[in-house]
N, C-alpha and C. Protein backbone atom coordinates (compact mmCIF):
# COMPACT_ATOMS: atom_id res chain seq x y z
N UNK A 1 102.79 34.69 128.94
CA UNK A 1 103.20 33.44 127.71
C UNK A 1 104.28 32.40 128.02
N UNK A 2 104.64 31.67 127.57
CA UNK A 2 105.47 30.50 128.15
C UNK A 2 106.90 30.59 127.77
N UNK A 3 107.69 29.70 127.75
CA UNK A 3 109.23 29.61 127.53
C UNK A 3 109.33 29.64 126.03
N UNK A 4 110.57 29.97 125.70
CA UNK A 4 110.69 30.37 124.24
C UNK A 4 111.12 29.01 123.39
N UNK A 5 111.11 27.97 124.08
CA UNK A 5 111.28 26.57 123.44
C UNK A 5 109.71 26.18 122.88
N UNK A 6 108.74 26.92 123.27
CA UNK A 6 107.30 26.55 122.94
C UNK A 6 106.97 27.14 121.44
N UNK A 7 106.41 26.40 120.69
CA UNK A 7 106.14 26.69 119.30
C UNK A 7 105.52 28.03 119.17
N UNK A 8 104.23 28.26 120.18
CA UNK A 8 103.45 29.49 120.22
C UNK A 8 104.37 30.76 120.51
N UNK A 9 105.24 30.34 121.61
CA UNK A 9 105.78 31.50 121.87
C UNK A 9 106.93 31.89 121.05
N UNK A 10 107.62 31.06 120.07
CA UNK A 10 108.53 31.32 119.33
C UNK A 10 107.80 32.23 117.95
N UNK A 11 106.85 31.66 117.58
CA UNK A 11 106.00 32.38 116.89
C UNK A 11 105.78 34.09 117.30
N UNK A 12 105.49 34.13 118.42
CA UNK A 12 105.33 35.58 118.94
C UNK A 12 106.54 36.43 118.94
N UNK A 13 107.61 35.78 119.35
CA UNK A 13 108.93 36.21 119.36
C UNK A 13 109.39 36.78 117.91
N UNK A 14 109.22 35.76 116.94
CA UNK A 14 109.49 36.11 115.70
C UNK A 14 108.87 37.12 115.06
N UNK A 15 107.36 37.24 115.43
CA UNK A 15 106.68 38.15 115.04
C UNK A 15 107.23 39.67 115.45
N UNK A 16 107.75 39.62 116.70
CA UNK A 16 108.05 40.76 117.60
C UNK A 16 109.21 41.38 117.00
N UNK A 17 110.34 40.63 116.54
CA UNK A 17 111.56 41.19 115.77
C UNK A 17 111.46 40.74 114.31
N UNK A 18 110.60 40.78 113.57
CA UNK A 18 110.78 40.50 112.19
C UNK A 18 111.15 41.91 111.54
N UNK A 19 110.83 43.04 112.02
CA UNK A 19 111.36 44.32 111.36
C UNK A 19 112.88 44.23 111.76
N UNK A 20 113.47 44.71 110.56
CA UNK A 20 114.76 44.70 110.84
C UNK A 20 115.27 46.12 111.68
N UNK A 21 114.67 46.96 112.03
CA UNK A 21 114.89 48.15 112.75
C UNK A 21 114.92 47.71 114.20
N UNK A 22 114.41 46.40 114.63
CA UNK A 22 114.03 46.23 115.89
C UNK A 22 115.56 45.69 116.35
N UNK A 23 115.89 46.10 117.40
CA UNK A 23 117.18 45.45 118.00
C UNK A 23 117.28 45.18 119.43
N UNK A 24 115.97 45.23 120.01
CA UNK A 24 115.93 45.09 121.39
C UNK A 24 114.52 44.39 121.68
N UNK A 25 114.36 43.39 122.27
CA UNK A 25 113.21 42.88 122.61
C UNK A 25 113.00 42.84 124.26
N UNK A 26 111.88 43.55 124.57
CA UNK A 26 111.80 43.50 125.97
C UNK A 26 110.72 42.57 126.49
N UNK A 27 110.83 41.59 127.08
CA UNK A 27 109.99 40.46 127.55
C UNK A 27 109.46 40.81 128.84
N UNK A 28 108.18 40.88 128.92
CA UNK A 28 107.60 41.02 130.33
C UNK A 28 108.02 39.95 131.06
N UNK A 29 108.33 40.21 132.43
CA UNK A 29 108.61 39.26 133.58
C UNK A 29 109.85 38.11 133.10
N UNK A 30 110.73 38.63 132.06
CA UNK A 30 111.83 37.97 131.49
C UNK A 30 112.97 38.72 131.20
N UNK A 31 112.97 39.85 131.33
CA UNK A 31 114.16 40.60 130.77
C UNK A 31 113.96 41.06 129.43
N UNK A 32 115.40 41.25 128.82
CA UNK A 32 115.52 41.63 127.43
C UNK A 32 116.45 40.86 126.87
N UNK A 33 116.50 41.18 125.38
CA UNK A 33 117.44 40.43 124.58
C UNK A 33 117.66 41.58 123.36
N UNK A 34 118.94 41.55 123.22
CA UNK A 34 119.47 42.57 122.08
C UNK A 34 119.98 41.58 120.93
N UNK A 35 119.69 42.28 119.70
CA UNK A 35 119.78 41.63 118.44
C UNK A 35 120.89 42.37 117.49
N UNK A 36 121.76 42.00 117.08
CA UNK A 36 122.79 42.57 116.42
C UNK A 36 123.46 41.80 115.24
N UNK A 37 124.05 42.71 114.17
CA UNK A 37 124.79 41.93 113.01
C UNK A 37 126.04 41.12 113.63
N UNK A 38 126.62 41.41 114.67
CA UNK A 38 127.76 41.02 115.35
C UNK A 38 127.26 40.74 117.01
N UNK A 39 128.27 39.95 117.24
CA UNK A 39 128.07 39.65 118.83
C UNK A 39 128.53 40.91 119.43
N UNK A 40 129.35 41.74 119.24
CA UNK A 40 129.83 43.13 119.64
C UNK A 40 128.72 44.20 119.65
N UNK A 41 128.01 44.30 118.44
CA UNK A 41 126.90 45.11 118.25
C UNK A 41 125.88 44.61 119.30
N UNK A 42 125.46 43.40 119.34
CA UNK A 42 124.50 43.10 120.44
C UNK A 42 124.82 43.36 121.90
N UNK A 43 126.18 43.04 122.05
CA UNK A 43 126.46 43.25 123.37
C UNK A 43 126.58 44.69 123.80
N UNK A 44 126.99 45.58 122.89
CA UNK A 44 126.97 47.06 123.42
C UNK A 44 125.59 47.31 123.42
N UNK A 45 124.78 47.04 122.71
CA UNK A 45 123.28 47.53 122.69
C UNK A 45 122.85 47.01 123.96
N UNK A 46 123.20 45.81 124.46
CA UNK A 46 122.46 45.33 125.75
C UNK A 46 123.24 46.27 126.70
N UNK A 47 124.39 46.44 126.68
CA UNK A 47 125.21 47.39 127.55
C UNK A 47 124.43 48.73 128.06
N UNK A 48 123.95 49.56 126.72
CA UNK A 48 123.44 50.82 126.88
C UNK A 48 121.83 50.69 127.28
N UNK A 49 121.42 49.57 126.78
CA UNK A 49 119.73 49.33 127.26
C UNK A 49 119.65 49.50 128.71
N UNK A 50 120.77 48.59 129.32
CA UNK A 50 120.96 48.48 130.74
C UNK A 50 121.04 49.59 131.55
N UNK A 51 121.98 50.48 130.81
CA UNK A 51 122.24 51.96 131.31
C UNK A 51 120.97 52.86 131.25
N UNK A 52 120.23 52.55 130.22
CA UNK A 52 119.08 53.61 130.07
C UNK A 52 118.10 53.11 130.99
N UNK A 53 118.01 51.81 131.48
CA UNK A 53 116.92 51.31 132.25
C UNK A 53 117.47 51.88 133.79
N UNK A 54 118.47 51.65 134.00
CA UNK A 54 119.20 52.25 135.49
C UNK A 54 118.86 53.82 135.57
N UNK A 55 119.12 54.59 134.54
CA UNK A 55 118.78 55.97 134.47
C UNK A 55 117.44 56.25 134.63
N UNK A 56 116.60 55.39 133.94
CA UNK A 56 115.13 55.63 134.23
C UNK A 56 114.51 55.44 135.57
N UNK A 57 115.20 54.24 136.25
CA UNK A 57 114.92 54.07 137.46
C UNK A 57 115.30 55.11 138.64
N UNK A 58 116.41 55.56 138.09
CA UNK A 58 117.09 56.49 139.36
C UNK A 58 116.07 57.81 139.16
N UNK A 59 115.80 58.13 137.92
CA UNK A 59 114.85 59.49 137.62
C UNK A 59 113.59 59.11 138.48
N UNK A 60 113.02 57.99 138.11
CA UNK A 60 111.82 57.66 138.82
C UNK A 60 111.83 57.57 140.31
N UNK A 61 112.91 57.25 140.94
CA UNK A 61 112.91 57.21 142.33
C UNK A 61 113.01 58.55 142.76
N UNK A 62 113.17 59.79 142.23
CA UNK A 62 113.32 61.15 142.52
C UNK A 62 111.98 61.53 143.18
N UNK A 63 110.72 60.96 142.41
CA UNK A 63 109.56 61.34 142.85
C UNK A 63 109.17 62.49 141.91
N UNK A 64 110.00 63.17 141.41
CA UNK A 64 109.77 64.41 140.42
C UNK A 64 109.07 64.13 139.05
N UNK A 65 108.38 65.22 138.62
CA UNK A 65 107.75 64.96 137.37
C UNK A 65 108.96 64.77 136.34
N UNK A 66 108.78 64.00 135.43
CA UNK A 66 109.87 63.69 134.39
C UNK A 66 109.40 64.44 133.06
N UNK A 67 110.32 65.31 132.66
CA UNK A 67 109.99 65.81 131.22
C UNK A 67 110.49 65.17 130.20
N UNK A 68 109.78 64.52 129.41
CA UNK A 68 110.18 63.70 128.27
C UNK A 68 110.28 64.47 127.00
N UNK A 69 111.20 64.24 126.30
CA UNK A 69 111.44 64.83 124.88
C UNK A 69 110.20 64.57 123.85
N UNK A 70 109.91 65.59 123.38
CA UNK A 70 108.64 65.44 122.22
C UNK A 70 109.07 64.44 121.14
N UNK A 71 108.31 63.92 120.68
CA UNK A 71 108.24 62.92 119.38
C UNK A 71 109.16 63.45 118.25
N UNK A 72 109.11 64.66 118.21
CA UNK A 72 110.04 65.23 117.05
C UNK A 72 111.41 65.39 117.51
N UNK A 73 111.73 65.57 118.71
CA UNK A 73 113.14 65.59 119.34
C UNK A 73 113.46 63.89 119.24
N UNK A 74 112.68 63.09 119.58
CA UNK A 74 113.08 61.73 119.73
C UNK A 74 113.49 61.28 118.24
N UNK A 75 112.72 61.59 117.28
CA UNK A 75 112.73 61.03 115.96
C UNK A 75 113.96 61.78 115.40
N UNK A 76 114.39 62.85 115.69
CA UNK A 76 115.63 63.67 115.27
C UNK A 76 116.84 62.92 115.91
N UNK A 77 116.67 62.72 117.09
CA UNK A 77 117.83 61.93 117.92
C UNK A 77 118.20 60.65 117.34
N UNK A 78 117.12 60.14 117.03
CA UNK A 78 117.08 58.64 116.20
C UNK A 78 117.89 58.76 114.97
N UNK A 79 117.52 59.81 114.09
CA UNK A 79 118.39 59.88 112.86
C UNK A 79 119.85 60.13 113.00
N UNK A 80 120.05 61.03 114.11
CA UNK A 80 121.46 61.41 114.05
C UNK A 80 122.10 60.27 114.65
N UNK A 81 121.65 59.35 115.45
CA UNK A 81 122.43 58.08 116.10
C UNK A 81 122.77 57.14 115.18
N UNK A 82 122.31 57.07 113.90
CA UNK A 82 122.50 55.98 112.94
C UNK A 82 123.60 56.48 112.05
N UNK A 83 124.95 56.39 112.50
CA UNK A 83 126.12 56.77 111.32
C UNK A 83 126.83 55.46 111.40
N UNK A 84 126.98 54.91 110.40
CA UNK A 84 127.80 53.80 110.11
C UNK A 84 129.19 53.56 110.75
N UNK A 85 129.92 54.61 110.95
CA UNK A 85 131.27 54.51 111.46
C UNK A 85 131.07 54.35 112.81
N UNK A 86 129.76 54.50 113.68
CA UNK A 86 129.49 54.50 114.93
C UNK A 86 128.41 53.94 115.42
N UNK A 87 128.16 52.73 114.49
CA UNK A 87 127.18 51.85 115.09
C UNK A 87 127.52 50.93 116.21
N UNK A 88 126.66 50.46 117.00
CA UNK A 88 126.80 49.68 118.24
C UNK A 88 127.90 48.76 118.04
N UNK A 89 129.31 48.84 118.72
CA UNK A 89 130.22 47.86 118.70
C UNK A 89 131.30 48.08 117.89
N UNK A 90 131.03 49.10 116.81
CA UNK A 90 131.90 49.47 115.68
C UNK A 90 133.06 49.67 116.23
N UNK A 91 133.16 50.65 117.29
CA UNK A 91 134.57 51.31 117.90
C UNK A 91 134.82 50.75 119.34
N UNK A 92 134.00 50.36 120.33
CA UNK A 92 134.28 49.86 121.58
C UNK A 92 134.60 48.21 121.47
N UNK A 93 134.12 47.33 120.56
CA UNK A 93 133.85 46.09 120.77
C UNK A 93 135.64 45.57 121.03
N UNK A 94 136.32 45.82 120.20
CA UNK A 94 137.83 45.40 120.11
C UNK A 94 138.41 45.95 121.38
N UNK A 95 138.11 47.01 121.80
CA UNK A 95 138.76 47.51 123.20
C UNK A 95 138.41 46.62 124.46
N UNK A 96 136.75 46.32 124.35
CA UNK A 96 136.48 45.72 125.43
C UNK A 96 136.78 44.18 125.64
N UNK A 97 137.03 43.51 124.03
CA UNK A 97 137.46 42.34 124.20
C UNK A 97 139.06 42.21 124.59
N UNK A 98 139.95 43.35 124.26
CA UNK A 98 141.17 43.35 124.76
C UNK A 98 141.20 43.52 126.29
N UNK A 99 140.42 44.36 126.86
CA UNK A 99 140.38 44.64 128.31
C UNK A 99 139.92 43.36 128.87
N UNK A 100 139.01 42.38 128.45
CA UNK A 100 138.70 41.21 129.22
C UNK A 100 139.79 40.36 129.05
N UNK A 101 140.51 40.21 127.88
CA UNK A 101 141.73 39.33 127.80
C UNK A 101 142.53 39.65 128.83
N UNK A 102 143.04 40.99 129.11
CA UNK A 102 144.02 41.38 129.84
C UNK A 102 143.65 41.11 131.26
N UNK A 103 142.32 41.24 131.63
CA UNK A 103 141.71 41.40 132.90
C UNK A 103 141.84 39.75 133.28
N UNK A 104 141.56 38.61 132.42
CA UNK A 104 141.57 37.38 132.68
C UNK A 104 142.88 36.85 132.99
N UNK A 105 143.93 37.43 132.36
CA UNK A 105 145.38 36.97 132.57
C UNK A 105 145.85 37.20 133.87
N UNK A 106 145.27 38.63 134.30
CA UNK A 106 145.60 38.90 135.55
C UNK A 106 144.96 37.98 136.68
N UNK A 107 144.16 37.27 136.56
CA UNK A 107 143.24 36.78 137.57
C UNK A 107 143.99 35.22 137.67
N UNK A 108 144.75 34.74 136.84
CA UNK A 108 145.30 33.51 136.60
C UNK A 108 146.14 33.20 137.95
């Protein structure tokens, strides 16, 4: 497919993310994009998606058989992961911003 400013590509992207449960778009040969209600949520989702990709690559590099969880276990984990007080970015975004501010002050 083409670049995202192409009308046909925009329609495909729109279709892919129309479900409000979708928070990560994986684009073949282009990387990924995370979506959130806030910048903090989108950033934290991107951080953990990147970590998950690194973990998967590390596992694949071992050459060993990978034991994947069952669909039932994945569904149960997904249900447990959605707690309003622990939504991505709810706890860590303010701390990350403070760390960045502090870090940039020391670099001047």
